[in-house]
Protein backbone atom coordinates (compact mmCIF):
# COMPACT_ATOMS: atom_id res chain seq x y z
CA MET A 1 26.92 -18.23 -13.15
CA LEU A 2 25.46 -15.03 -14.59
CA ALA A 3 27.31 -12.92 -12.02
CA LYS A 4 30.60 -14.56 -13.03
CA ILE A 5 29.91 -13.92 -16.71
CA LYS A 6 29.17 -10.28 -15.94
CA THR A 7 32.43 -10.03 -14.01
CA SER A 8 34.40 -11.49 -16.91
CA ILE A 9 32.92 -8.95 -19.33
CA LEU A 10 33.54 -5.98 -17.05
CA GLN A 11 36.87 -6.87 -15.45
CA ARG A 12 38.51 -8.66 -18.37
CA ALA A 13 37.30 -6.35 -21.10
CA THR A 14 40.57 -6.39 -23.06
CA LYS A 15 41.03 -10.16 -22.82
CA ILE A 16 40.15 -12.37 -25.77
CA ALA A 17 36.71 -13.95 -25.33
CA PHE A 18 36.46 -15.70 -28.71
CA TYR A 19 38.40 -16.80 -31.71
CA LEU A 20 35.72 -17.14 -34.39
CA LYS A 21 36.78 -17.99 -37.95
CA ASN A 22 40.29 -16.78 -37.09
CA GLU A 23 38.99 -13.42 -35.87
CA ALA A 24 39.65 -12.41 -32.25
CA TYR A 25 36.93 -10.76 -30.15
CA THR A 26 37.42 -9.31 -26.68
CA TYR A 27 35.10 -9.57 -23.71
CA ALA A 28 34.31 -5.89 -24.32
CA SER A 29 33.08 -6.82 -27.83
CA LEU A 30 31.02 -9.65 -26.36
CA GLY A 31 29.47 -7.23 -23.86
CA GLU A 32 28.59 -4.79 -26.62
CA GLU A 33 26.75 -7.48 -28.56
CA VAL A 34 24.95 -8.66 -25.43
CA ALA A 35 23.71 -5.10 -24.85
CA LYS A 36 22.45 -4.85 -28.45
CA VAL A 37 20.48 -8.10 -28.23
CA ARG A 38 19.06 -7.10 -24.85
CA ALA A 39 17.86 -3.83 -26.35
CA LEU A 40 16.21 -5.78 -29.18
CA LEU A 41 14.44 -8.09 -26.72
CA GLN A 42 13.32 -5.12 -24.60
CA LYS A 43 11.88 -3.50 -27.72
CA GLU A 44 10.06 -6.61 -28.96
CA ARG A 45 9.00 -7.87 -25.51
CA PRO A 46 8.42 -11.53 -26.52
CA ASN A 47 5.41 -12.89 -24.63
CA THR A 48 6.96 -16.31 -24.05
CA GLN A 49 9.22 -18.16 -21.66
CA PHE A 50 11.42 -19.57 -24.41
CA ILE A 51 13.50 -17.92 -27.12
CA GLY A 52 14.91 -19.99 -29.95
CA ILE A 53 18.47 -19.21 -31.04
CA LEU A 54 19.62 -20.34 -34.45
CA ALA A 55 23.06 -21.68 -33.58
CA GLN A 56 25.75 -20.21 -35.82
CA ASP A 57 29.48 -19.70 -35.51
CA ASP A 58 29.45 -15.99 -34.74
CA LEU A 59 29.62 -13.57 -31.83
CA GLN A 60 25.94 -12.64 -32.07
CA THR A 61 24.86 -16.22 -31.41
CA TYR A 62 26.85 -16.53 -28.18
CA ALA A 63 25.92 -13.01 -27.10
CA SER A 64 22.27 -13.93 -27.64
CA ILE A 65 22.54 -16.73 -25.08
CA ILE A 66 23.75 -14.33 -22.40
CA ALA A 67 21.22 -11.67 -23.40
CA VAL A 68 18.34 -14.14 -23.23
CA TRP A 69 19.40 -15.19 -19.74
CA MET A 70 19.87 -11.64 -18.48
CA GLU A 71 16.42 -10.74 -19.79
CA GLY A 72 14.88 -13.61 -17.85
CA TYR A 73 14.12 -16.01 -20.71
CA ALA A 74 15.23 -19.56 -21.45
CA PHE A 75 17.16 -20.29 -24.62
CA VAL A 76 16.39 -23.12 -27.03
CA PRO A 77 19.22 -23.89 -29.47
CA LEU A 78 18.13 -24.65 -33.03
CA SER A 79 20.63 -26.36 -35.28
CA THR A 80 21.16 -25.09 -38.82
CA LYS A 81 21.93 -28.72 -39.73
CA SER A 82 18.59 -30.07 -38.54
CA PRO A 83 15.62 -30.25 -40.94
CA LEU A 84 13.25 -27.32 -40.63
CA ASP A 85 10.43 -29.74 -39.67
CA ARG A 86 12.37 -30.81 -36.59
CA ASN A 87 13.08 -27.21 -35.53
CA ILE A 88 9.41 -26.37 -36.02
CA ILE A 89 8.44 -29.27 -33.72
CA VAL A 90 10.92 -28.04 -31.11
CA MET A 91 9.48 -24.51 -31.12
CA GLU A 92 5.93 -25.84 -31.03
CA GLN A 93 6.75 -27.95 -27.98
CA VAL A 94 7.90 -24.87 -26.04
CA ASP A 95 4.96 -22.85 -27.42
CA SER A 96 7.10 -20.06 -28.80
CA ILE A 97 7.43 -18.29 -32.16
CA PHE A 98 10.42 -16.09 -31.30
CA VAL A 99 13.80 -16.92 -32.83
CA LEU A 100 17.02 -14.91 -32.62
CA ALA A 101 19.28 -15.28 -35.67
CA SER A 102 22.31 -13.42 -36.99
CA GLU A 103 21.29 -14.59 -40.46
CA ILE A 104 18.68 -17.04 -41.63
CA LYS A 105 17.93 -18.65 -44.96
CA PRO A 106 14.33 -19.01 -46.18
CA THR A 107 14.71 -22.79 -45.88
CA GLN A 108 15.57 -22.40 -42.17
CA SER A 109 12.61 -20.24 -41.15
CA ALA A 110 8.99 -21.17 -40.57
CA ALA A 111 6.21 -18.86 -41.71
CA THR A 112 4.79 -18.82 -38.19
CA TRP A 113 8.03 -17.66 -36.56
CA LYS A 114 8.87 -14.15 -35.49
CA VAL A 115 12.58 -13.91 -36.40
CA LEU A 116 14.58 -11.25 -34.55
CA HIS A 117 17.73 -10.42 -36.49
CA THR A 118 20.81 -9.88 -34.31
CA SER A 119 23.35 -8.76 -36.92
CA GLY A 120 23.78 -5.07 -37.77
CA LEU A 121 22.02 -3.86 -34.63
CA PRO A 122 22.72 -0.23 -33.64
CA PRO A 123 25.17 0.42 -30.79
CA THR A 124 23.67 0.89 -27.36
CA ALA A 125 24.86 1.62 -23.84
CA LEU A 126 26.46 -1.34 -22.07
CA SER A 127 23.78 -3.07 -20.00
CA LEU A 128 24.75 -6.05 -17.86
CA ASP A 129 22.55 -5.60 -14.81
CA PHE A 130 20.01 -8.36 -14.37
CA LYS A 131 17.52 -9.72 -11.90
CA THR A 132 18.83 -13.04 -10.58
CA PRO A 133 16.43 -15.74 -11.77
CA ASP A 134 14.75 -18.09 -9.35
CA PRO A 135 17.01 -21.17 -9.01
CA GLU A 136 14.16 -23.36 -10.25
CA GLN A 137 13.57 -21.26 -13.36
CA ILE A 138 14.29 -23.05 -16.64
CA ILE A 139 17.01 -21.22 -18.54
CA CYS A 140 17.92 -23.76 -21.19
CA MET A 141 15.94 -26.39 -23.10
CA LEU A 142 17.72 -29.07 -25.11
CA PHE A 143 15.97 -31.74 -27.16
CA THR A 144 17.09 -35.35 -27.44
CA SER A 145 15.92 -38.21 -29.61
CA GLY A 146 12.50 -39.57 -28.67
CA SER A 147 11.26 -43.15 -29.09
CA THR A 148 7.82 -41.91 -30.26
CA GLY A 149 9.29 -40.09 -33.25
CA THR A 150 9.12 -36.74 -31.47
CA PRO A 151 12.20 -35.24 -29.76
CA LYS A 152 12.08 -35.02 -25.95
CA GLY A 153 12.65 -31.72 -24.16
CA VAL A 154 15.33 -31.72 -21.45
CA PRO A 155 14.95 -28.56 -19.36
CA TYR A 156 17.87 -27.16 -17.36
CA THR A 157 17.16 -24.82 -14.47
CA LEU A 158 19.59 -22.27 -13.12
CA ARG A 159 20.13 -24.63 -10.19
CA ASN A 160 21.01 -27.47 -12.57
CA LEU A 161 23.66 -25.44 -14.39
CA ASN A 162 25.11 -23.86 -11.25
CA CYS A 163 25.36 -27.26 -9.59
CA SER A 164 27.09 -28.80 -12.60
CA LEU A 165 29.55 -25.92 -12.97
CA ASP A 166 30.32 -26.02 -9.26
CA ALA A 167 31.09 -29.74 -9.56
CA PHE A 168 33.27 -29.21 -12.64
CA PHE A 169 35.42 -26.58 -10.93
CA ALA A 170 35.62 -28.76 -7.80
CA LEU A 171 37.57 -31.34 -9.84
CA GLY A 172 40.61 -29.21 -9.07
CA TYR A 173 41.80 -28.42 -12.58
CA GLU A 174 44.16 -25.45 -12.67
CA LEU A 175 42.15 -23.21 -14.97
CA ASN A 176 42.52 -19.46 -15.41
CA GLU A 177 41.89 -16.58 -17.82
CA ALA A 178 44.96 -17.53 -19.88
CA ASP A 179 43.36 -20.82 -20.94
CA ARG A 180 41.84 -21.37 -24.35
CA PHE A 181 38.86 -23.72 -24.66
CA LEU A 182 38.00 -25.63 -27.82
CA GLN A 183 34.33 -25.43 -28.86
CA MET A 184 33.56 -27.80 -31.74
CA PHE A 185 30.04 -28.92 -30.82
CA ASP A 186 26.66 -27.97 -32.18
CA LEU A 187 24.91 -25.90 -29.50
CA THR A 188 22.10 -28.47 -29.37
CA PHE A 189 24.55 -30.95 -27.80
CA ASP A 190 24.87 -30.72 -24.01
CA MET A 191 28.68 -31.05 -24.10
CA SER A 192 28.82 -27.67 -25.86
CA LEU A 193 27.90 -26.07 -22.52
CA LEU A 194 31.08 -27.52 -21.06
CA SER A 195 33.07 -25.93 -23.88
CA TYR A 196 32.07 -22.32 -23.24
CA LEU A 197 30.38 -21.84 -19.84
CA PRO A 198 33.47 -22.59 -17.68
CA ALA A 199 35.51 -20.31 -19.95
CA TRP A 200 33.05 -17.45 -19.52
CA CYS A 201 33.05 -17.93 -15.76
CA ILE A 202 36.84 -17.42 -15.51
CA GLY A 203 37.36 -14.99 -18.39
CA ALA A 204 39.15 -17.45 -20.66
CA ALA A 205 38.98 -17.61 -24.47
CA VAL A 206 36.72 -19.87 -26.50
CA CYS A 207 38.10 -21.11 -29.83
CA THR A 208 35.35 -22.33 -32.11
CA VAL A 209 35.70 -24.73 -35.00
CA PRO A 210 34.06 -23.50 -38.22
CA GLU A 211 31.58 -25.72 -40.01
CA THR A 212 33.46 -27.48 -42.80
CA LYS A 213 33.18 -30.75 -44.65
CA ILE A 214 36.08 -32.13 -42.63
CA LYS A 215 35.41 -30.62 -39.21
CA TYR A 216 37.70 -32.95 -37.27
CA LEU A 217 40.70 -31.74 -39.28
CA SER A 218 39.61 -28.14 -38.74
CA ALA A 219 39.58 -28.84 -35.00
CA ILE A 220 43.28 -29.75 -35.06
CA LYS A 221 44.07 -26.63 -37.09
CA VAL A 222 42.24 -24.47 -34.55
CA MET A 223 44.00 -26.18 -31.64
CA LYS A 224 47.41 -25.56 -33.22
CA ALA A 225 46.72 -22.00 -34.39
CA HIS A 226 45.34 -20.78 -31.06
CA LYS A 227 47.34 -23.02 -28.73
CA VAL A 228 44.21 -24.51 -27.19
CA SER A 229 44.80 -25.69 -23.62
CA VAL A 230 41.40 -27.27 -22.79
CA ALA A 231 39.62 -29.43 -25.35
CA ALA A 232 36.35 -31.33 -24.96
CA MET A 233 35.71 -33.84 -27.75
CA VAL A 234 33.87 -37.07 -28.43
CA PRO A 235 35.91 -40.25 -29.04
CA SER A 236 34.48 -40.48 -32.57
CA THR A 237 36.49 -37.38 -33.47
CA LEU A 238 39.68 -39.09 -32.33
CA ASN A 239 38.77 -42.17 -34.35
CA LEU A 240 38.57 -40.04 -37.47
CA LEU A 241 41.89 -38.41 -36.60
CA LYS A 242 43.70 -41.70 -36.01
CA PRO A 243 45.28 -41.81 -39.50
CA TYR A 244 46.89 -38.44 -38.73
CA PHE A 245 48.11 -39.14 -35.19
CA SER A 246 51.74 -39.47 -36.34
CA GLN A 247 51.55 -35.86 -37.59
CA ILE A 248 49.77 -34.40 -34.56
CA ASN A 249 51.69 -32.84 -31.68
CA LEU A 250 49.83 -30.54 -29.30
CA PRO A 251 52.23 -29.65 -26.45
CA GLU A 252 50.08 -26.69 -25.30
CA LEU A 253 47.07 -28.87 -24.56
CA ARG A 254 46.72 -29.28 -20.77
CA TYR A 255 43.33 -31.00 -20.47
CA SER A 256 41.86 -33.40 -23.01
CA ILE A 257 38.26 -34.13 -22.01
CA LEU A 258 36.51 -36.98 -23.81
CA GLY A 259 32.86 -37.88 -23.37
CA GLY A 260 29.55 -38.65 -24.99
CA GLU A 261 30.27 -42.28 -25.91
CA ALA A 262 32.50 -45.25 -25.11
CA PHE A 263 36.22 -44.40 -24.99
CA TYR A 264 38.46 -47.35 -25.77
CA VAL A 265 41.88 -48.10 -24.26
CA THR A 266 43.65 -48.47 -27.59
CA LEU A 267 42.37 -45.10 -28.80
CA ALA A 268 43.33 -43.35 -25.55
CA THR A 269 46.82 -44.88 -25.68
CA ALA A 270 47.41 -43.66 -29.22
CA TRP A 271 45.97 -40.20 -28.50
CA ALA A 272 48.17 -39.76 -25.42
CA ALA A 273 51.27 -39.73 -27.64
CA CYS A 274 49.90 -36.66 -29.47
CA ILE A 275 49.37 -34.62 -26.30
CA PRO A 276 52.48 -35.14 -24.13
CA ASN A 277 51.60 -32.48 -21.53
CA ALA A 278 47.88 -33.09 -21.18
CA ARG A 279 45.79 -34.80 -18.55
CA ILE A 280 43.23 -37.06 -20.26
CA VAL A 281 39.81 -37.23 -18.64
CA ASN A 282 36.94 -39.53 -19.58
CA ILE A 283 33.67 -37.87 -18.54
CA SER A 284 30.24 -39.49 -18.46
CA GLY A 285 26.68 -38.69 -17.57
CA PRO A 286 23.48 -38.53 -19.61
CA CYS A 287 22.13 -35.27 -20.99
CA GLU A 288 19.50 -35.42 -18.25
CA THR A 289 22.17 -34.84 -15.59
CA THR A 290 23.43 -31.57 -17.16
CA MET A 291 26.72 -31.90 -19.08
CA ALA A 292 28.37 -34.69 -17.03
CA CYS A 293 28.54 -35.99 -13.48
CA VAL A 294 31.20 -38.73 -13.31
CA SER A 295 34.74 -38.82 -14.62
CA TYR A 296 37.93 -40.82 -14.70
CA GLU A 297 41.33 -39.24 -15.19
CA LEU A 298 43.71 -41.60 -16.92
CA GLU A 299 46.98 -42.58 -15.35
CA LYS A 300 50.23 -41.63 -17.08
CA GLU A 301 51.03 -45.19 -18.10
CA PRO A 302 48.57 -46.97 -20.43
CA GLU A 303 49.04 -50.28 -18.65
CA GLN A 304 47.51 -48.64 -15.57
CA TYR A 305 44.32 -47.50 -17.34
CA LYS A 306 41.20 -48.77 -15.61
CA SER A 307 38.80 -50.42 -18.04
CA TYR A 308 36.28 -53.18 -18.58
CA GLN A 309 36.20 -55.05 -21.89
CA GLU A 310 38.61 -52.42 -23.27
CA VAL A 311 36.21 -49.54 -22.48
CA LEU A 312 37.66 -46.96 -20.10
CA ALA A 313 36.00 -46.62 -16.73
CA PHE A 314 33.18 -44.16 -16.08
CA GLY A 315 35.08 -43.11 -12.97
CA ARG A 316 33.89 -41.53 -9.74
CA PRO A 317 30.87 -39.27 -9.15
CA TRP A 318 31.41 -35.51 -9.16
CA LYS A 319 30.63 -33.26 -6.23
CA ASN A 320 26.87 -32.91 -5.62
CA THR A 321 26.20 -36.30 -7.27
CA GLN A 322 24.91 -39.44 -5.59
CA THR A 323 24.98 -42.67 -7.57
CA ILE A 324 23.51 -46.11 -6.98
CA LEU A 325 23.26 -49.30 -9.00
CA ILE A 326 19.91 -51.08 -8.94
CA ASP A 327 18.51 -54.39 -10.14
CA GLU A 328 15.19 -54.95 -11.93
CA ASN A 329 13.38 -54.63 -8.59
CA GLN A 330 15.01 -51.28 -7.80
CA GLN A 331 17.11 -52.87 -5.08
CA VAL A 332 20.69 -51.64 -4.68
CA VAL A 333 23.14 -54.29 -5.86
CA THR A 334 26.26 -55.25 -3.94
CA GLN A 335 29.74 -54.08 -4.86
CA GLY A 336 31.01 -55.78 -7.99
CA GLU A 337 27.54 -56.71 -9.25
CA ILE A 338 26.16 -55.22 -12.45
CA GLY A 339 23.18 -52.93 -12.15
CA GLU A 340 21.53 -49.92 -13.76
CA LEU A 341 23.35 -46.69 -12.94
CA CYS A 342 21.08 -44.08 -11.34
CA PHE A 343 21.81 -40.46 -10.42
CA SER A 344 20.53 -38.04 -7.81
CA GLY A 345 21.47 -34.41 -7.19
CA ASP A 346 20.66 -30.80 -7.99
CA HIS A 347 22.19 -31.20 -11.45
CA VAL A 348 19.54 -33.76 -12.47
CA MET A 349 16.69 -32.31 -14.53
CA LYS A 350 13.24 -32.10 -12.97
CA GLY A 351 11.73 -34.16 -15.77
CA TYR A 352 11.18 -34.33 -19.51
CA TRP A 353 9.13 -31.46 -20.86
CA LYS A 354 5.41 -32.30 -20.84
CA LEU A 355 5.99 -36.07 -20.66
CA PRO A 356 4.54 -37.18 -17.29
CA GLU A 357 4.25 -40.86 -18.28
CA LYS A 358 7.89 -40.98 -19.40
CA ASN A 359 8.97 -39.26 -16.18
CA GLN A 360 7.19 -41.90 -14.10
CA LYS A 361 9.28 -44.56 -15.82
CA VAL A 362 12.70 -42.93 -15.43
CA PHE A 363 12.40 -41.33 -11.99
CA PHE A 364 11.90 -43.01 -8.64
CA GLU A 365 12.40 -42.22 -4.96
CA LYS A 366 14.55 -44.30 -2.67
CA GLU A 367 15.69 -43.96 0.92
CA ILE A 368 19.47 -43.92 1.18
CA GLN A 369 21.02 -43.73 4.65
CA GLY A 370 17.78 -42.44 6.13
CA VAL A 371 17.16 -39.78 3.47
CA VAL A 372 14.62 -40.14 0.66
CA LYS A 373 16.11 -39.02 -2.64
CA ARG A 374 14.84 -38.78 -6.20
CA PHE A 375 16.89 -40.79 -8.72
CA TYR A 376 17.10 -40.80 -12.50
CA ARG A 377 17.50 -44.15 -14.26
CA SER A 378 20.20 -43.72 -16.90
CA GLY A 379 19.78 -47.01 -18.74
CA ASP A 380 23.54 -47.56 -18.43
CA LEU A 381 24.65 -50.86 -16.97
CA ALA A 382 27.71 -50.68 -14.74
CA PHE A 383 29.49 -52.11 -11.72
CA GLN A 384 31.60 -50.47 -9.02
CA ASP A 385 34.96 -51.70 -7.76
CA GLU A 386 36.33 -51.53 -4.23
CA ASP A 387 37.87 -48.12 -4.94
CA GLY A 388 34.48 -46.61 -5.80
CA ILE A 389 35.13 -46.47 -9.56
CA TYR A 390 32.28 -47.27 -11.94
CA TYR A 391 32.79 -49.31 -15.11
CA SER A 392 30.52 -49.38 -18.16
CA CYS A 393 28.82 -52.64 -19.12
CA GLY A 394 26.75 -51.33 -22.02
CA ARG A 395 23.15 -50.18 -22.30
CA LYS A 396 20.05 -51.64 -20.73
CA ASP A 397 17.95 -50.63 -23.73
CA TYR A 398 18.62 -49.81 -27.33
CA GLN A 399 19.86 -46.27 -26.80
CA TYR A 400 23.24 -45.47 -28.28
CA LYS A 401 25.63 -42.56 -28.57
CA ILE A 402 26.07 -41.51 -32.22
CA GLN A 403 28.57 -38.69 -32.80
CA GLY A 404 28.21 -37.94 -29.10
CA TYR A 405 24.41 -37.60 -29.21
CA LYS A 406 22.25 -39.98 -27.24
CA VAL A 407 19.76 -41.42 -29.72
CA GLU A 408 16.81 -43.73 -29.42
CA LEU A 409 16.54 -45.97 -32.44
CA GLY A 410 12.79 -45.94 -31.94
CA GLU A 411 12.59 -42.41 -33.34
CA LEU A 412 14.07 -43.50 -36.66
CA GLU A 413 12.02 -46.70 -36.68
CA THR A 414 8.75 -44.88 -35.94
CA LEU A 415 9.18 -42.30 -38.68
CA THR A 416 10.10 -45.00 -41.20
CA ARG A 417 7.14 -47.19 -40.24
CA LYS A 418 4.74 -44.32 -40.74
CA PHE A 419 6.21 -43.48 -44.13
CA ILE A 420 6.39 -46.95 -45.69
CA ASN A 421 3.31 -48.26 -43.85
CA THR A 422 4.78 -51.41 -42.36
CA ASP A 423 5.60 -52.50 -38.83
CA GLN A 424 8.61 -54.49 -39.98
CA VAL A 425 11.28 -51.84 -39.48
CA VAL A 426 14.35 -52.31 -37.34
CA ALA A 427 17.29 -49.99 -36.75
CA ILE A 428 20.58 -51.52 -35.63
CA VAL A 429 23.99 -50.09 -34.78
CA LEU A 430 27.33 -51.31 -36.11
CA LYS A 431 30.87 -49.98 -36.02
CA ASN A 432 32.35 -48.89 -39.32
CA GLU A 433 35.95 -49.20 -40.51
CA ASN A 434 36.90 -46.18 -38.38
CA ASP A 435 35.55 -47.87 -35.23
CA ILE A 436 32.64 -45.39 -35.11
CA PHE A 437 29.03 -46.36 -34.44
CA GLU A 438 26.65 -46.04 -37.41
CA ILE A 439 22.92 -46.68 -37.71
CA HIS A 440 21.63 -49.14 -40.31
CA LEU A 441 17.97 -49.56 -41.21
CA VAL A 442 16.31 -52.86 -42.16
CA SER A 443 12.72 -53.20 -43.32
CA ALA A 444 10.39 -55.53 -45.15
CA LYS A 445 10.22 -54.96 -48.88
CA THR A 446 7.90 -52.09 -49.86
CA ASN A 447 6.95 -50.08 -52.93
CA TYR A 448 9.46 -47.42 -51.85
CA THR A 449 13.08 -47.59 -52.93
CA SER A 450 15.80 -47.14 -50.33
CA ALA A 451 16.72 -43.82 -51.93
CA VAL A 452 13.17 -42.51 -51.54
CA ILE A 453 13.06 -43.59 -47.89
CA LEU A 454 16.37 -41.89 -47.19
CA ALA A 455 15.24 -38.68 -48.90
CA HIS A 456 12.15 -38.62 -46.67
CA LEU A 457 14.20 -39.19 -43.51
CA LYS A 458 16.58 -36.37 -44.45
CA GLU A 459 13.61 -34.00 -44.27
CA LYS A 460 12.70 -35.16 -40.77
CA LEU A 461 15.87 -36.05 -38.89
CA PRO A 462 19.25 -34.54 -38.02
CA LEU A 463 22.35 -36.02 -39.68
CA TYR A 464 23.35 -38.16 -36.71
CA LEU A 465 20.03 -40.07 -36.86
CA LEU A 466 20.21 -40.88 -40.58
CA PRO A 467 21.00 -44.48 -41.53
CA ALA A 468 24.30 -45.29 -43.20
CA SER A 469 22.51 -48.02 -45.19
CA ILE A 470 18.98 -49.22 -45.85
CA THR A 471 18.30 -52.90 -46.46
CA GLN A 472 14.96 -54.34 -47.56
CA LEU A 473 14.28 -58.05 -46.96
CA ALA A 474 11.43 -60.31 -48.05
CA VAL A 475 11.23 -61.68 -44.50
CA LEU A 476 12.87 -60.37 -41.33
CA PRO A 477 14.52 -63.22 -39.40
CA GLN A 478 13.02 -64.23 -36.07
CA ASN A 479 14.46 -65.85 -32.96
CA ILE A 480 12.94 -68.70 -30.98
CA SER A 481 10.77 -66.25 -29.07
CA GLY A 482 9.19 -65.00 -32.26
CA LYS A 483 10.90 -61.65 -31.98
CA VAL A 484 12.98 -60.04 -34.70
CA ASP A 485 16.47 -61.54 -34.48
CA ARG A 486 18.64 -58.45 -34.27
CA GLN A 487 21.83 -60.48 -34.18
CA ALA A 488 20.91 -62.12 -37.48
CA LEU A 489 20.13 -58.70 -38.94
CA ARG A 490 23.55 -57.44 -37.85
CA LYS A 491 25.20 -60.30 -39.73
CA ILE A 492 23.15 -59.58 -42.86
CA VAL A 493 23.95 -55.86 -42.79
CA LEU A 494 27.60 -56.51 -41.99
CA ARG A 495 27.95 -58.77 -45.03
CA LYS A 496 26.27 -56.16 -47.20
CA THR A 497 28.33 -53.21 -45.97
CA THR A 498 31.53 -55.22 -46.34
CA ARG A 499 30.70 -55.69 -50.02
CA LYS A 500 29.37 -52.24 -50.71
CA LYS A 501 29.15 -49.12 -48.58
CA GLY A 502 26.00 -47.00 -48.75
CA ILE A 503 22.36 -47.25 -49.76
CA ASP A 504 21.33 -50.03 -52.14
């Protein structure tokens, strides 16, 4: 991977590497910024394995990723949209104080951090030589929602990323340096890697979407202005764009890659009319398997789409991926039966960062055709048809995809319980009028108003984990087992949100 990036910078120096805020930057410009950040790191000599990078829409941010890798460190993306408390927790988990930032506001920086500013650095000689890291060396650490209230670290090694990229290119897509990739994701989201790493490997351009109040509309503007040919998005973005489909025509788009959450047949059918020359691909795979590891390319005719309960199929495993479906006793189910989807391969992370007990629950070894392999339990329920295609049957637990991010409702519930000092807190998920999943919070009545609770959560959680509504009840309904009746709660919240949207 790093060798390919170096080749792109050196051999495609005059080619466009980025379109950032309507400004074009060549691979030569990217290389210059990489050299500057490397010089900064060599001067400061951070005594840590991990370097935080404040993710911003500028050349210095992306150059910092490459520089960190070439200097032998691992990068930890920090979102400018996440509360400072959350970013502090992330940096504490990796035991590092070093953060690269092109610019940083006082509200985004902790007093204990050593911030290394990457903007306005003096020119330096181009330096792209590097010592190839050990394949097992961690080079990227993402953090996902954690059920204990603390985000979980998902470490990617060089082997993980190389394996995933190798599998992506093995899909046979006709990609080259003339392509233009859309990059509209926060760098803390694993699908962002799919939006820029393949482009860097082949010397193609990356077209980023600036942060605006209406980002999904900005994405269409960027796609039109720069004639984007490869676009990775989450289905929620398409749901928001649905009212504008009659006005959207993107003939230059060749590959429309959708992933991160359920993709429905009706949405895919409507979207196909906007992109007459594109191949539509539904990709799947948890963050723990590095970007994605199964996919289904839609047929030309909507009536031929493969789906289950109107959700498009997961598809077939990528190269380097072995999949099995297991029952509650970890026995492989027969074809057509529903089981938990499990993954094995070099793209699967070694384990959550410093969470041995959690790793024991989600990893297991099983002998398949005479070979013992280590599998990751995804929590996704699925079945496989006679053609080897997997179909989604929902989640085994209460994890959901919100705005493409895998979230555990337990994180929101735990933080709320601690704040209002009651165990009677339940988070549920409902679809809104745009057919997008939203989180709603229900609790027993307390001395705190819903507005106060929400204000507290905003200081602790990223936007995608915040509840769309907060409901306080005198008594939470129970089912015959004495457990909280989530279905009854859904009906209560649905009635409330139908009458009035927002926080009461």
